[in-house]
Amino acid sequence: MKFGIIKERKSPPDRRVVFSPNELAKLKQLYHDATVEVETSDIRIFTDLQYKSMGITVTDNVSDCDVLFGVKEVPVENLIPNKAYFFFSHTIKKQPYNRKLLKAILENNIDLYDHETIVDAENRRLIGFGKYAGMVGVYNGIRAFGIKFELFKLPKAETLAGKEALIAHLKRITLPSLKFVVTGTGKVGSGVKEILDAIKVKEVTVDNYLTKKYTQSVYVQLDVLEYNKRIDGQVLDFNDFTSHPEAYVSDFEKFTKVSDIYYAGHFYDNAAPMILTQEMLNASDCKLRVVADISCDVNGPIACTLRSSTIEEPIYGYFPLENKEVDVFHPAAIVVMAVDNLPCEIPKDASEGFGEQFMEHVIPAFFNGDKDGILQRAKITEKGKLTPRFAYLQEYVNG
């Protein structure tokens, strides 16, 4: 089995990679039948020399590899026919901008595996960059608060070496006694929690958060049933929410009345209710000053996420009265941070963590006959056709 790491060609450039040099060396050590090549790249967070120093072949041409690993979408003109590819294809939700890509994959007889479709038997995602999005999201949210109120200046996350540097800079500033509310307990939520805990923000219960005043910064992390309630008043379980999201309405307003910064790190289903509405944000007793939408669903559950922002320009102002974008320093503006590629700001940590997950959950499947069905579930296309699991995309492909 010959694996290849491809150069990232999507613009703007992404410095992340599926495997760090250390992880590839480990792969070769564990699986003697595996050979690995890395396509030369001048943008990758790890240099060609770092791979070479670990005994990894670096080459201009990876077309003799069986399986090719990338992070972002491969431009249509760079697809190599008759190969297996792993990358974030952004096609499984029928994204219009990538229809041409999926069509080309089928025409080129490519077996496509999407990082998003790598799930266990319970359909839980096994790998992703979400944890690192959460980490950078916390930093960017606090940085946005400092900018808005001219309290402190933090450098941009992308200029720092990684997670430890984010924590070090956050520890140097003096935070007022802020209240942080976090939605989501998955990978993004775990990244948010890791940074807040590292900078000694105290986690408190929902009841205490809603009723008590504190002389230090505190946070609360909410599961979905703590900020949604059934319209009929029944108290049921998570399965009921996922089966009947239309029977629920947001109960988040009580948190907007006591919170300074909101970190949105939830998974959102289109059928689920809005979480943070324009009415909540426009209420006279809304205390929110920064909304860091790490999940970044434009036209989704967070009313103030009018658009995604960029690493270059990460924040904008939101004027709730008129539901429009304004300057960050507008007196009535709530600051929105909605960068949709946050893990790119700490590419080294993100790549190392991603590779560890990949080694644990995916690589063994190539050598154990895919006994847990990891590859089978993840495969979107095979021999020029959509697999049964992804047959729903046929209409999308046909246009």
Protein backbone atom coordinates (compact mmCIF):
# COMPACT_ATOMS: atom_id res chain seq x y z
CA MET A 1 0.00 0.00 0.00
CA LYS A 2 1.50 3.30 -1.12
CA PHE A 3 0.27 6.48 0.58
CA GLY A 4 0.88 10.01 -0.72
CA ILE A 5 0.53 13.41 0.98
CA ILE A 6 -0.54 15.93 -1.63
CA LYS A 7 0.33 19.62 -1.83
CA GLU A 8 -2.56 21.94 -0.87
CA ARG A 9 -3.53 23.89 -3.98
CA LYS A 10 -6.74 25.64 -2.96
CA SER A 11 -6.58 29.41 -2.58
CA PRO A 12 -6.18 31.00 -0.08
CA PRO A 13 -3.32 28.63 0.86
CA ASP A 14 -3.84 26.25 3.79
CA ARG A 15 -0.71 25.35 5.76
CA ARG A 16 -2.25 22.30 7.47
CA VAL A 17 -1.45 18.71 6.52
CA VAL A 18 -3.00 15.34 7.39
CA PHE A 19 0.25 13.90 8.83
CA SER A 20 3.20 15.51 10.59
CA PRO A 21 6.69 14.08 9.89
CA ASN A 22 6.63 12.25 13.26
CA GLU A 23 3.28 10.64 12.53
CA LEU A 24 4.42 9.43 9.09
CA ALA A 25 7.56 7.92 10.63
CA LYS A 26 5.31 6.14 13.12
CA LEU A 27 3.11 4.86 10.29
CA LYS A 28 6.11 3.35 8.51
CA GLN A 29 7.31 1.77 11.73
CA LEU A 30 3.94 0.20 12.56
CA TYR A 31 3.02 -0.98 9.06
CA HIS A 32 5.98 -2.46 7.21
CA ASP A 33 3.85 -3.02 4.07
CA ALA A 34 3.23 0.72 3.79
CA THR A 35 5.32 3.13 1.75
CA VAL A 36 4.86 6.88 1.99
CA GLU A 37 5.67 9.83 -0.25
CA VAL A 38 5.15 13.53 0.36
CA GLU A 39 4.60 15.95 -2.50
CA THR A 40 6.96 18.90 -2.21
CA SER A 41 5.35 22.09 -0.87
CA ASP A 42 6.59 25.54 0.06
CA ILE A 43 3.49 26.49 2.09
CA ARG A 44 3.07 23.50 4.39
CA ILE A 45 3.67 24.12 8.13
CA PHE A 46 6.27 21.31 8.09
CA THR A 47 9.07 21.81 5.57
CA ASP A 48 10.24 19.26 3.00
CA LEU A 49 13.45 19.01 5.01
CA GLN A 50 11.57 18.03 8.17
CA TYR A 51 10.00 15.10 6.32
CA LYS A 52 13.29 14.09 4.74
CA SER A 53 15.01 14.11 8.13
CA MET A 54 12.51 11.47 9.30
CA GLY A 55 13.37 9.24 6.32
CA ILE A 56 10.25 10.18 4.30
CA THR A 57 10.55 10.47 0.51
CA VAL A 58 9.72 13.95 -0.81
CA THR A 59 8.87 14.09 -4.51
CA ASP A 60 7.45 16.31 -7.27
CA ASN A 61 5.12 13.54 -8.44
CA VAL A 62 2.85 11.35 -6.29
CA SER A 63 0.93 9.80 -9.18
CA ASP A 64 2.28 6.32 -8.41
CA CYS A 65 0.62 6.33 -4.95
CA ASP A 66 -2.56 4.32 -4.33
CA VAL A 67 -4.12 6.58 -1.70
CA LEU A 68 -3.71 10.37 -1.57
CA PHE A 69 -4.30 12.47 1.55
CA GLY A 70 -5.10 16.19 1.53
CA VAL A 71 -6.93 18.69 3.69
CA LYS A 72 -8.90 21.02 1.42
CA GLU A 73 -10.62 20.39 -1.93
CA VAL A 74 -8.34 19.37 -4.81
CA PRO A 75 -8.80 21.65 -7.85
CA VAL A 76 -10.44 19.72 -10.69
CA GLU A 77 -7.42 20.15 -12.99
CA ASN A 78 -5.13 18.55 -10.39
CA LEU A 79 -7.16 15.36 -9.82
CA ILE A 80 -5.26 12.18 -10.74
CA PRO A 81 -7.65 9.59 -12.30
CA ASN A 82 -8.18 6.11 -10.82
CA LYS A 83 -6.88 6.99 -7.35
CA ALA A 84 -8.35 6.96 -3.85
CA TYR A 85 -8.49 10.43 -2.24
CA PHE A 86 -9.15 11.68 1.29
CA PHE A 87 -9.97 15.38 1.74
CA PHE A 88 -12.74 17.74 2.89
CA SER A 89 -14.79 17.78 -0.33
CA HIS A 90 -17.64 19.99 0.96
CA THR A 91 -20.13 18.12 -1.23
CA ILE A 92 -22.19 16.01 1.19
CA LYS A 93 -24.59 18.89 1.91
CA LYS A 94 -24.96 19.48 -1.86
CA GLN A 95 -22.84 22.63 -1.72
CA PRO A 96 -23.44 24.27 -5.13
CA TYR A 97 -19.87 25.54 -5.49
CA ASN A 98 -18.44 21.99 -5.46
CA ARG A 99 -20.86 20.20 -7.77
CA LYS A 100 -18.31 20.43 -10.59
CA LEU A 101 -15.70 18.81 -8.32
CA LEU A 102 -17.87 15.80 -7.44
CA LYS A 103 -18.79 15.38 -11.10
CA ALA A 104 -15.09 15.37 -12.06
CA ILE A 105 -14.33 12.83 -9.31
CA LEU A 106 -16.92 10.46 -10.77
CA GLU A 107 -15.73 11.05 -14.34
CA ASN A 108 -12.13 10.32 -13.29
CA ASN A 109 -13.06 7.04 -11.63
CA ILE A 110 -11.80 8.29 -8.25
CA ASP A 111 -12.71 6.68 -4.92
CA LEU A 112 -13.50 9.64 -2.68
CA TYR A 113 -13.42 9.49 1.11
CA ASP A 114 -14.35 12.67 2.94
CA HIS A 115 -12.82 13.45 6.36
CA GLU A 116 -16.34 14.46 7.45
CA THR A 117 -17.77 11.04 6.56
CA ILE A 118 -15.29 9.07 8.68
CA VAL A 119 -17.68 7.93 11.39
CA ASP A 120 -18.12 5.02 13.79
CA ALA A 121 -21.02 2.55 13.76
CA GLU A 122 -23.12 5.11 15.69
CA ASN A 123 -22.43 7.79 13.02
CA ARG A 124 -20.20 9.81 15.36
CA ARG A 125 -17.39 11.66 13.60
CA LEU A 126 -13.98 10.24 14.41
CA ILE A 127 -11.61 12.89 13.07
CA GLY A 128 -11.67 16.61 12.53
CA PHE A 129 -10.10 19.97 13.33
CA GLY A 130 -12.98 21.09 15.58
CA LYS A 131 -11.02 21.04 18.83
CA TYR A 132 -8.48 23.48 17.36
CA ALA A 133 -11.25 25.73 16.04
CA GLY A 134 -12.54 25.89 19.62
CA MET A 135 -9.12 26.84 20.97
CA VAL A 136 -8.57 29.67 18.51
CA GLY A 137 -12.21 30.76 18.87
CA VAL A 138 -11.73 31.43 22.61
CA TYR A 139 -8.62 33.48 21.96
CA ASN A 140 -10.25 35.47 19.14
CA GLY A 141 -13.35 36.14 21.24
CA ILE A 142 -11.34 37.56 24.13
CA ARG A 143 -9.16 39.50 21.69
CA ALA A 144 -12.33 40.98 20.14
CA PHE A 145 -13.55 42.10 23.59
CA GLY A 146 -10.20 43.82 24.19
CA ILE A 147 -10.42 45.64 20.85
CA LYS A 148 -14.04 46.75 21.30
CA PHE A 149 -13.50 48.20 24.79
CA GLU A 150 -9.85 49.20 24.26
CA LEU A 151 -8.88 47.24 27.39
CA PHE A 152 -5.92 45.22 26.15
CA LYS A 153 -4.15 44.31 22.92
CA LEU A 154 -3.54 40.71 21.90
CA PRO A 155 -1.58 39.74 18.78
CA LYS A 156 -3.43 37.78 16.09
CA ALA A 157 -3.50 34.04 16.73
CA GLU A 158 -1.94 33.33 13.32
CA THR A 159 1.24 35.18 14.39
CA LEU A 160 1.74 32.86 17.37
CA ALA A 161 3.41 29.44 17.49
CA GLY A 162 0.38 27.47 18.67
CA LYS A 163 -1.86 26.52 21.58
CA GLU A 164 0.70 27.13 24.34
CA ALA A 165 1.43 30.60 22.97
CA LEU A 166 -2.31 31.42 22.90
CA ILE A 167 -2.57 30.42 26.55
CA ALA A 168 0.56 32.37 27.52
CA HIS A 169 -0.75 35.59 25.92
CA LEU A 170 -4.19 35.21 27.50
CA LYS A 171 -2.59 34.72 30.93
CA ARG A 172 -0.68 38.00 30.56
CA ILE A 173 -3.79 40.17 30.29
CA THR A 174 -6.04 41.22 33.15
CA LEU A 175 -9.58 40.11 32.39
CA PRO A 176 -12.50 41.89 34.01
CA SER A 177 -14.97 39.53 35.75
CA LEU A 178 -16.65 38.29 32.56
CA LYS A 179 -19.29 35.63 32.07
CA PHE A 180 -18.74 33.26 29.13
CA VAL A 181 -21.53 31.03 27.83
CA VAL A 182 -20.59 28.07 25.62
CA THR A 183 -22.97 25.98 23.51
CA GLY A 184 -21.75 22.57 22.39
CA THR A 185 -19.99 19.69 24.15
CA GLY A 186 -18.35 18.00 21.16
CA LYS A 187 -14.89 18.51 19.66
CA VAL A 188 -15.29 22.31 19.33
CA GLY A 189 -16.67 22.55 22.86
CA SER A 190 -13.75 20.49 24.20
CA GLY A 191 -11.29 22.95 22.60
CA VAL A 192 -13.13 25.92 24.12
CA LYS A 193 -13.12 24.25 27.54
CA GLU A 194 -9.42 23.38 27.34
CA ILE A 195 -8.39 27.02 26.86
CA LEU A 196 -10.83 28.47 29.41
CA ASP A 197 -9.64 25.94 32.00
CA ALA A 198 -5.98 26.65 31.14
CA ILE A 199 -6.41 30.37 31.81
CA LYS A 200 -8.22 29.61 35.08
CA VAL A 201 -11.70 30.76 34.12
CA LYS A 202 -13.93 28.97 36.63
CA GLU A 203 -16.64 26.59 35.38
CA VAL A 204 -19.93 26.97 37.27
CA THR A 205 -23.36 25.31 37.24
CA VAL A 206 -26.21 26.68 35.15
CA ASP A 207 -28.16 27.79 38.24
CA ASN A 208 -25.21 29.61 39.77
CA TYR A 209 -24.30 31.19 36.41
CA LEU A 210 -27.81 32.57 36.00
CA THR A 211 -28.28 33.84 39.54
CA LYS A 212 -24.92 34.73 41.09
CA LYS A 213 -22.52 37.62 40.65
CA TYR A 214 -18.80 36.81 40.60
CA THR A 215 -15.62 38.78 41.23
CA GLN A 216 -13.71 36.55 38.77
CA SER A 217 -14.42 35.35 35.22
CA VAL A 218 -16.65 32.27 35.00
CA TYR A 219 -18.10 30.09 32.25
CA VAL A 220 -20.93 27.65 31.74
CA GLN A 221 -20.97 24.95 29.05
CA LEU A 222 -24.43 24.01 27.82
CA ASP A 223 -25.78 20.86 26.30
CA VAL A 224 -28.57 21.19 23.76
CA LEU A 225 -31.43 20.64 26.24
CA GLU A 226 -30.11 23.41 28.47
CA TYR A 227 -30.81 26.07 25.84
CA ASN A 228 -33.82 24.54 24.03
CA LYS A 229 -37.22 23.60 25.47
CA ARG A 230 -40.23 21.77 24.10
CA ILE A 231 -42.99 24.12 22.98
CA ASP A 232 -45.54 21.98 24.88
CA GLY A 233 -43.51 22.17 28.11
CA GLN A 234 -42.72 18.45 28.33
CA VAL A 235 -39.27 17.55 29.61
CA LEU A 236 -37.89 14.76 27.46
CA ASP A 237 -34.48 13.49 26.40
CA PHE A 238 -31.83 14.21 23.77
CA ASN A 239 -33.24 11.53 21.44
CA ASP A 240 -36.56 13.35 21.39
CA PHE A 241 -34.79 16.59 20.42
CA THR A 242 -32.90 14.93 17.55
CA SER A 243 -36.06 13.11 16.36
CA HIS A 244 -38.42 16.09 16.72
CA PRO A 245 -36.41 19.34 16.59
CA GLU A 246 -39.45 21.16 15.22
CA ALA A 247 -41.18 20.59 18.59
CA TYR A 248 -38.57 22.78 20.33
CA VAL A 249 -37.88 26.47 20.73
CA SER A 250 -34.78 28.29 21.95
CA ASP A 251 -34.52 28.95 25.67
CA PHE A 252 -31.24 30.83 25.32
CA GLU A 253 -32.56 34.29 26.20
CA LYS A 254 -31.98 33.79 29.94
CA PHE A 255 -28.25 33.45 29.16
CA THR A 256 -28.12 36.60 27.02
CA LYS A 257 -29.24 38.63 30.07
CA VAL A 258 -26.18 37.68 32.14
CA SER A 259 -23.41 36.84 29.60
CA ASP A 260 -20.68 39.04 28.18
CA ILE A 261 -19.19 36.67 25.60
CA TYR A 262 -20.92 33.81 23.79
CA TYR A 263 -18.95 30.94 22.22
CA ALA A 264 -21.12 29.06 19.71
CA GLY A 265 -19.57 25.62 19.27
CA HIS A 266 -22.63 23.43 18.71
CA PHE A 267 -23.52 21.11 15.83
CA TYR A 268 -26.60 22.53 14.12
CA ASP A 269 -29.30 20.72 12.18
CA ASN A 270 -31.34 22.77 9.70
CA ALA A 271 -34.58 21.58 11.32
CA ALA A 272 -33.49 22.77 14.79
CA PRO A 273 -34.74 26.10 16.19
CA MET A 274 -32.77 29.35 16.03
CA ILE A 275 -30.57 29.68 19.13
CA LEU A 276 -29.82 33.41 19.29
CA THR A 277 -32.46 35.58 17.59
CA GLN A 278 -32.43 39.22 16.54
CA GLU A 279 -35.11 39.88 19.17
CA MET A 280 -32.90 38.49 21.94
CA LEU A 281 -29.95 40.60 20.77
CA ASN A 282 -32.12 43.72 20.51
CA ALA A 283 -33.68 43.29 23.96
CA SER A 284 -32.90 46.10 26.40
CA ASP A 285 -31.59 43.60 28.96
CA CYS A 286 -29.25 41.76 26.55
CA LYS A 287 -25.73 41.94 28.00
CA LEU A 288 -23.85 40.18 25.20
CA ARG A 289 -20.95 42.20 23.80
CA VAL A 290 -19.10 39.56 21.76
CA VAL A 291 -20.51 36.59 19.84
CA ALA A 292 -17.76 34.22 18.69
CA ASP A 293 -19.56 31.91 16.26
CA ILE A 294 -17.00 29.12 15.98
CA SER A 295 -19.46 26.82 14.20
CA CYS A 296 -20.08 29.65 11.71
CA ASP A 297 -23.36 28.71 10.04
CA VAL A 298 -24.27 31.72 7.90
CA ASN A 299 -28.08 32.11 7.82
CA GLY A 300 -28.08 29.56 10.62
CA PRO A 301 -29.02 29.63 14.32
CA ILE A 302 -27.08 32.78 15.30
CA ALA A 303 -28.86 35.87 13.97
CA CYS A 304 -25.80 38.14 14.10
CA THR A 305 -23.70 35.83 11.86
CA LEU A 306 -24.52 37.78 8.72
CA ARG A 307 -21.42 36.47 6.96
CA SER A 308 -18.26 34.56 7.70
CA SER A 309 -15.24 36.70 8.51
CA THR A 310 -11.61 36.08 7.60
CA ILE A 311 -8.31 35.53 9.40
CA GLU A 312 -7.21 38.90 7.96
CA GLU A 313 -10.39 40.71 9.13
CA PRO A 314 -11.81 38.47 11.87
CA ILE A 315 -14.44 40.75 13.42
CA TYR A 316 -17.32 43.00 12.43
CA GLY A 317 -20.05 44.90 14.24
CA TYR A 318 -23.72 43.88 14.34
CA PHE A 319 -26.50 46.40 14.97
CA PRO A 320 -29.44 44.38 16.34
CA LEU A 321 -32.07 47.09 15.90
CA GLU A 322 -31.68 47.00 12.11
CA ASN A 323 -30.15 43.51 11.74
CA LYS A 324 -27.22 44.89 9.78
CA GLU A 325 -23.44 45.10 9.83
CA VAL A 326 -21.86 48.22 11.29
CA ASP A 327 -18.46 49.36 12.50
CA VAL A 328 -17.14 47.46 15.54
CA PHE A 329 -16.94 50.77 17.47
CA HIS A 330 -20.57 51.73 16.81
CA PRO A 331 -21.91 52.31 20.36
CA ALA A 332 -24.73 49.78 19.93
CA ALA A 333 -22.66 47.20 18.05
CA ILE A 334 -22.26 43.64 19.24
CA VAL A 335 -18.91 42.29 18.00
CA VAL A 336 -19.12 39.18 15.82
CA MET A 337 -16.19 36.83 15.24
CA ALA A 338 -17.18 34.29 12.58
CA VAL A 339 -13.94 33.05 10.98
CA ASP A 340 -14.80 29.80 9.18
CA ASN A 341 -11.26 28.38 9.03
CA LEU A 342 -10.02 28.95 12.59
CA PRO A 343 -7.73 25.86 12.79
CA CYS A 344 -5.58 27.41 10.02
CA GLU A 345 -4.37 29.90 12.64
CA ILE A 346 -2.54 27.17 14.60
CA PRO A 347 -1.59 24.82 11.73
CA LYS A 348 1.14 22.91 13.59
CA ASP A 349 -1.02 21.88 16.56
CA ALA A 350 -4.01 21.24 14.31
CA SER A 351 -2.00 19.03 11.94
CA GLU A 352 -0.40 17.04 14.74
CA GLY A 353 -3.74 16.41 16.42
CA PHE A 354 -5.45 15.49 13.16
CA GLY A 355 -2.70 13.02 12.25
CA GLU A 356 -2.95 11.32 15.64
CA GLN A 357 -6.70 10.83 15.16
CA PHE A 358 -6.14 9.55 11.62
CA MET A 359 -3.51 7.06 12.78
CA GLU A 360 -5.81 5.76 15.50
CA HIS A 361 -9.07 5.50 13.60
CA VAL A 362 -8.39 5.22 9.86
CA ILE A 363 -4.98 3.76 8.98
CA PRO A 364 -5.60 0.40 10.76
CA ALA A 365 -8.60 -0.17 8.46
CA PHE A 366 -6.25 -0.47 5.46
CA PHE A 367 -4.46 -3.37 7.12
CA ASN A 368 -7.22 -5.23 8.99
CA GLY A 369 -9.65 -5.74 6.12
CA ASP A 370 -11.69 -2.72 7.31
CA LYS A 371 -13.18 -4.94 10.00
CA ASP A 372 -15.04 -2.03 11.65
CA GLY A 373 -16.43 -0.66 8.37
CA ILE A 374 -14.63 2.69 8.73
CA LEU A 375 -13.60 2.92 5.06
CA GLN A 376 -16.85 1.47 3.75
CA ARG A 377 -18.94 4.08 5.58
CA ALA A 378 -16.65 6.94 4.57
CA LYS A 379 -16.53 6.13 0.84
CA ILE A 380 -18.64 8.55 -1.23
CA THR A 381 -17.71 7.36 -4.75
CA GLU A 382 -16.45 4.07 -6.13
CA LYS A 383 -15.63 3.07 -9.72
CA GLY A 384 -17.34 6.12 -11.20
CA LYS A 385 -20.56 5.80 -9.16
CA LEU A 386 -21.93 7.12 -5.89
CA THR A 387 -21.96 4.50 -3.14
CA PRO A 388 -25.41 3.49 -1.79
CA ARG A 389 -24.87 5.52 1.39
CA PHE A 390 -24.41 8.69 -0.70
CA ALA A 391 -26.84 7.91 -3.53
CA TYR A 392 -28.89 10.93 -2.37
CA LEU A 393 -26.25 13.11 -4.10
CA GLN A 394 -27.18 11.84 -7.59
CA GLU A 395 -29.69 14.63 -8.21
CA TYR A 396 -27.06 17.15 -7.08
CA VAL A 397 -24.50 15.65 -9.49
CA ASN A 398 -27.00 15.71 -12.36
CA GLY A 399 -27.68 19.38 -11.64
